[in-house]
Amino acid sequence: MKSSELRQRVAEAISAAQAKKAEEVTILQMDRESPLFTDYFVIASGSNPRQIQAIADEVEERLTRMGLNPTNVEGYRQAEWVLLDYVDFVVHVFSERARKYYDLERLWKSAARLEPSELKPARKRAARPRSGPRTRKQGKG
């Protein structure tokens, strides 16, 4: 998968999580030297099991519309830590308590932290609209 396409999919996962009011959304770009076989972690929190499941559902639905299905989903029923594995990136949705306990941000402190805006491709400048053909004023002569 191309880097720009991957970043777009990660950005869509973040947008989906935020649409369901996910809290403390963090993006970790994993170090190339890390033993993991993924490029990004998206980490988010929900305040209760229903919200955690709603966040996971929204991420899965939006990415499925883009033609991407998770290779594995874990923890959905318990809704303490839902993991959606998309191979090139993994979405983690935690309860507040589980997030503090597992503290993935500390565990993977060598990973670069990104802001959602860093994943979106730079927008191309819109061309200024042109008014019709220009006419020259003709002088008297």
C-alpha atoms as a PDB file:
ATOM      1  CA  MET A   1       0.000   0.000   0.000  1.00  0.00           C
ATOM      2  CA  LYS A   2       1.323   3.435  -0.902  1.00  0.00           C
ATOM      3  CA  SER A   3       2.229   5.735   1.965  1.00  0.00           C
ATOM      4  CA  SER A   4      -0.329   8.377   0.941  1.00  0.00           C
ATOM      5  CA  GLU A   5      -3.082   5.764   0.732  1.00  0.00           C
ATOM      6  CA  LEU A   6      -2.127   4.367   4.135  1.00  0.00           C
ATOM      7  CA  ARG A   7      -2.122   7.822   5.709  1.00  0.00           C
ATOM      8  CA  GLN A   8      -5.553   8.498   4.191  1.00  0.00           C
ATOM      9  CA  ARG A   9      -6.952   5.309   5.712  1.00  0.00           C
ATOM     10  CA  VAL A  10      -5.458   6.085   9.125  1.00  0.00           C
ATOM     11  CA  ALA A  11      -6.936   9.589   8.894  1.00  0.00           C
ATOM     12  CA  GLU A  12     -10.347   8.080   8.117  1.00  0.00           C
ATOM     13  CA  ALA A  13     -10.100   5.803  11.165  1.00  0.00           C
ATOM     14  CA  ILE A  14      -9.316   8.841  13.315  1.00  0.00           C
ATOM     15  CA  SER A  15     -12.208  10.798  11.832  1.00  0.00           C
ATOM     16  CA  ALA A  16     -14.552   7.884  12.543  1.00  0.00           C
ATOM     17  CA  ALA A  17     -13.378   7.642  16.161  1.00  0.00           C
ATOM     18  CA  GLN A  18     -13.788  11.388  16.645  1.00  0.00           C
ATOM     19  CA  ALA A  19     -17.289  11.251  15.162  1.00  0.00           C
ATOM     20  CA  LYS A  20     -18.250   8.974  18.059  1.00  0.00           C
ATOM     21  CA  LYS A  21     -16.654  11.352  20.575  1.00  0.00           C
ATOM     22  CA  ALA A  22     -13.515   9.316  21.224  1.00  0.00           C
ATOM     23  CA  GLU A  23     -11.285  10.940  23.828  1.00  0.00           C
ATOM     24  CA  GLU A  24      -7.514  11.426  23.826  1.00  0.00           C
ATOM     25  CA  VAL A  25      -6.957  10.249  20.260  1.00  0.00           C
ATOM     26  CA  THR A  26      -3.249   9.575  19.772  1.00  0.00           C
ATOM     27  CA  ILE A  27      -1.383   8.486  16.661  1.00  0.00           C
ATOM     28  CA  LEU A  28       1.920   6.680  16.990  1.00  0.00           C
ATOM     29  CA  GLN A  29       4.080   6.207  13.923  1.00  0.00           C
ATOM     30  CA  MET A  30       6.062   3.128  14.745  1.00  0.00           C
ATOM     31  CA  ASP A  31       9.813   3.165  14.403  1.00  0.00           C
ATOM     32  CA  ARG A  32      11.111   1.190  11.434  1.00  0.00           C
ATOM     33  CA  GLU A  33      13.448  -0.583  13.858  1.00  0.00           C
ATOM     34  CA  SER A  34      10.590  -1.757  16.082  1.00  0.00           C
ATOM     35  CA  PRO A  35       9.760  -5.460  16.162  1.00  0.00           C
ATOM     36  CA  LEU A  36       6.154  -4.710  15.191  1.00  0.00           C
ATOM     37  CA  PHE A  37       4.811  -5.444  11.758  1.00  0.00           C
ATOM     38  CA  THR A  38       2.670  -2.329  11.575  1.00  0.00           C
ATOM     39  CA  ASP A  39       3.280   1.308  10.702  1.00  0.00           C
ATOM     40  CA  TYR A  40       0.795   3.114  12.939  1.00  0.00           C
ATOM     41  CA  PHE A  41      -1.126   2.764  16.176  1.00  0.00           C
ATOM     42  CA  VAL A  42      -4.287   4.789  16.588  1.00  0.00           C
ATOM     43  CA  ILE A  43      -5.159   4.925  20.280  1.00  0.00           C
ATOM     44  CA  ALA A  44      -8.436   6.296  21.600  1.00  0.00           C
ATOM     45  CA  SER A  45     -10.564   6.101  24.728  1.00  0.00           C
ATOM     46  CA  GLY A  46     -14.262   5.800  25.422  1.00  0.00           C
ATOM     47  CA  SER A  47     -16.019   6.508  28.677  1.00  0.00           C
ATOM     48  CA  ASN A  48     -18.200   3.364  28.796  1.00  0.00           C
ATOM     49  CA  PRO A  49     -18.552  -0.021  27.040  1.00  0.00           C
ATOM     50  CA  ARG A  50     -21.301   1.173  24.683  1.00  0.00           C
ATOM     51  CA  GLN A  51     -19.238   4.122  23.516  1.00  0.00           C
ATOM     52  CA  ILE A  52     -16.144   1.941  23.070  1.00  0.00           C
ATOM     53  CA  GLN A  53     -18.142  -0.437  20.881  1.00  0.00           C
ATOM     54  CA  ALA A  54     -19.700   2.465  18.956  1.00  0.00           C
ATOM     55  CA  ILE A  55     -16.242   3.881  18.225  1.00  0.00           C
ATOM     56  CA  ALA A  56     -15.001   0.471  17.033  1.00  0.00           C
ATOM     57  CA  ASP A  57     -18.144  -0.020  14.925  1.00  0.00           C
ATOM     58  CA  GLU A  58     -17.790   3.373  13.241  1.00  0.00           C
ATOM     59  CA  VAL A  59     -14.119   2.800  12.424  1.00  0.00           C
ATOM     60  CA  GLU A  60     -14.890  -0.622  10.981  1.00  0.00           C
ATOM     61  CA  GLU A  61     -17.890   0.609   8.955  1.00  0.00           C
ATOM     62  CA  ARG A  62     -16.052   3.561   7.413  1.00  0.00           C
ATOM     63  CA  LEU A  63     -12.989   1.558   6.483  1.00  0.00           C
ATOM     64  CA  THR A  64     -15.145  -1.240   5.062  1.00  0.00           C
ATOM     65  CA  ARG A  65     -16.727   1.374   2.764  1.00  0.00           C
ATOM     66  CA  MET A  66     -13.194   2.165   1.597  1.00  0.00           C
ATOM     67  CA  GLY A  67     -12.687  -1.525   0.820  1.00  0.00           C
ATOM     68  CA  LEU A  68     -10.610  -2.314   3.905  1.00  0.00           C
ATOM     69  CA  ASN A  69     -11.637  -4.977   6.402  1.00  0.00           C
ATOM     70  CA  PRO A  70      -9.814  -5.756   9.648  1.00  0.00           C
ATOM     71  CA  THR A  71      -7.812  -8.962   9.628  1.00  0.00           C
ATOM     72  CA  ASN A  72      -8.622  -9.402  13.309  1.00  0.00           C
ATOM     73  CA  VAL A  73     -10.882  -7.858  15.952  1.00  0.00           C
ATOM     74  CA  GLU A  74     -10.312  -8.584  19.619  1.00  0.00           C
ATOM     75  CA  GLY A  75     -11.983  -7.554  22.847  1.00  0.00           C
ATOM     76  CA  TYR A  76     -15.225  -6.271  21.343  1.00  0.00           C
ATOM     77  CA  ARG A  77     -17.550  -8.153  23.680  1.00  0.00           C
ATOM     78  CA  GLN A  78     -15.756  -7.079  26.883  1.00  0.00           C
ATOM     79  CA  ALA A  79     -15.245  -3.512  25.546  1.00  0.00           C
ATOM     80  CA  GLU A  80     -12.302  -2.733  27.832  1.00  0.00           C
ATOM     81  CA  TRP A  81      -9.742  -2.790  25.009  1.00  0.00           C
ATOM     82  CA  VAL A  82     -10.990  -3.290  21.465  1.00  0.00           C
ATOM     83  CA  LEU A  83      -8.269  -3.944  18.916  1.00  0.00           C
ATOM     84  CA  LEU A  84      -8.923  -3.603  15.171  1.00  0.00           C
ATOM     85  CA  ASP A  85      -5.962  -4.955  13.191  1.00  0.00           C
ATOM     86  CA  TYR A  86      -5.615  -3.615   9.646  1.00  0.00           C
ATOM     87  CA  VAL A  87      -2.048  -4.986   9.275  1.00  0.00           C
ATOM     88  CA  ASP A  88      -0.466  -1.656   8.241  1.00  0.00           C
ATOM     89  CA  PHE A  89      -2.104   0.043  11.209  1.00  0.00           C
ATOM     90  CA  VAL A  90      -3.874  -1.025  14.387  1.00  0.00           C
ATOM     91  CA  VAL A  91      -6.727   0.834  16.082  1.00  0.00           C
ATOM     92  CA  HIS A  92      -6.920   0.467  19.877  1.00  0.00           C
ATOM     93  CA  VAL A  93     -10.051   1.674  21.690  1.00  0.00           C
ATOM     94  CA  PHE A  94      -9.661   1.584  25.467  1.00  0.00           C
ATOM     95  CA  SER A  95     -11.690   2.243  28.555  1.00  0.00           C
ATOM     96  CA  GLU A  96     -10.005   4.975  30.580  1.00  0.00           C
ATOM     97  CA  ARG A  97      -8.895   2.446  33.200  1.00  0.00           C
ATOM     98  CA  ALA A  98      -7.450  -0.048  30.705  1.00  0.00           C
ATOM     99  CA  ARG A  99      -5.631   2.708  28.839  1.00  0.00           C
ATOM    100  CA  LYS A 100      -3.908   3.854  32.004  1.00  0.00           C
ATOM    101  CA  TYR A 101      -3.034   0.279  32.952  1.00  0.00           C
ATOM    102  CA  TYR A 102      -1.553  -0.789  29.586  1.00  0.00           C
ATOM    103  CA  ASP A 103      -0.113   2.665  28.771  1.00  0.00           C
ATOM    104  CA  LEU A 104       0.846   1.918  25.156  1.00  0.00           C
ATOM    105  CA  GLU A 105       2.186   5.435  24.701  1.00  0.00           C
ATOM    106  CA  ARG A 106       4.814   4.753  27.366  1.00  0.00           C
ATOM    107  CA  LEU A 107       5.481   1.224  26.152  1.00  0.00           C
ATOM    108  CA  TRP A 108       6.140   2.485  22.603  1.00  0.00           C
ATOM    109  CA  LYS A 109       7.794   5.764  23.607  1.00  0.00           C
ATOM    110  CA  SER A 110      10.256   5.458  20.708  1.00  0.00           C
ATOM    111  CA  ALA A 111       7.374   5.936  18.269  1.00  0.00           C
ATOM    112  CA  ALA A 112       6.771   9.386  16.802  1.00  0.00           C
ATOM    113  CA  ARG A 113       3.560  11.059  17.941  1.00  0.00           C
ATOM    114  CA  LEU A 114       1.578  12.606  15.129  1.00  0.00           C
ATOM    115  CA  GLU A 115      -1.318  15.007  14.995  1.00  0.00           C
ATOM    116  CA  PRO A 116      -4.299  14.076  12.782  1.00  0.00           C
ATOM    117  CA  SER A 117      -3.508  17.049  10.533  1.00  0.00           C
ATOM    118  CA  GLU A 118      -0.114  15.512   9.737  1.00  0.00           C
ATOM    119  CA  LEU A 119      -1.793  12.537   8.064  1.00  0.00           C
ATOM    120  CA  LYS A 120      -3.943  14.491   5.648  1.00  0.00           C
ATOM    121  CA  PRO A 121      -2.370  15.265   2.302  1.00  0.00           C
ATOM    122  CA  ALA A 122      -1.672  18.906   1.625  1.00  0.00           C
ATOM    123  CA  ARG A 123      -4.499  20.446  -0.311  1.00  0.00           C
ATOM    124  CA  LYS A 124      -3.739  21.758  -3.725  1.00  0.00           C
ATOM    125  CA  ARG A 125      -4.324  25.433  -4.227  1.00  0.00           C
ATOM    126  CA  ALA A 126      -7.499  26.154  -6.069  1.00  0.00           C
ATOM    127  CA  ALA A 127      -6.945  28.011  -9.278  1.00  0.00           C
ATOM    128  CA  ARG A 128      -8.419  31.460  -9.357  1.00  0.00           C
ATOM    129  CA  PRO A 129     -11.552  31.547 -11.433  1.00  0.00           C
ATOM    130  CA  ARG A 130     -11.062  33.273 -14.702  1.00  0.00           C
ATOM    131  CA  SER A 131     -13.563  35.725 -15.957  1.00  0.00           C
ATOM    132  CA  GLY A 132     -14.379  35.504 -19.641  1.00  0.00           C
ATOM    133  CA  PRO A 133     -11.936  36.577 -22.332  1.00  0.00           C
ATOM    134  CA  ARG A 134     -10.410  39.960 -21.834  1.00  0.00           C
ATOM    135  CA  THR A 135     -11.139  42.574 -24.378  1.00  0.00           C
ATOM    136  CA  ARG A 136      -8.870  45.419 -25.261  1.00  0.00           C
ATOM    137  CA  LYS A 137     -10.160  48.872 -25.233  1.00  0.00           C
ATOM    138  CA  GLN A 138      -9.831  50.282 -28.644  1.00  0.00           C
ATOM    139  CA  GLY A 139      -8.588  53.780 -28.924  1.00  0.00           C
ATOM    140  CA  LYS A 140     -10.020  56.422 -31.184  1.00  0.00           C
ATOM    141  CA  GLY A 141      -8.039  56.891 -34.216  1.00  0.00           C
END
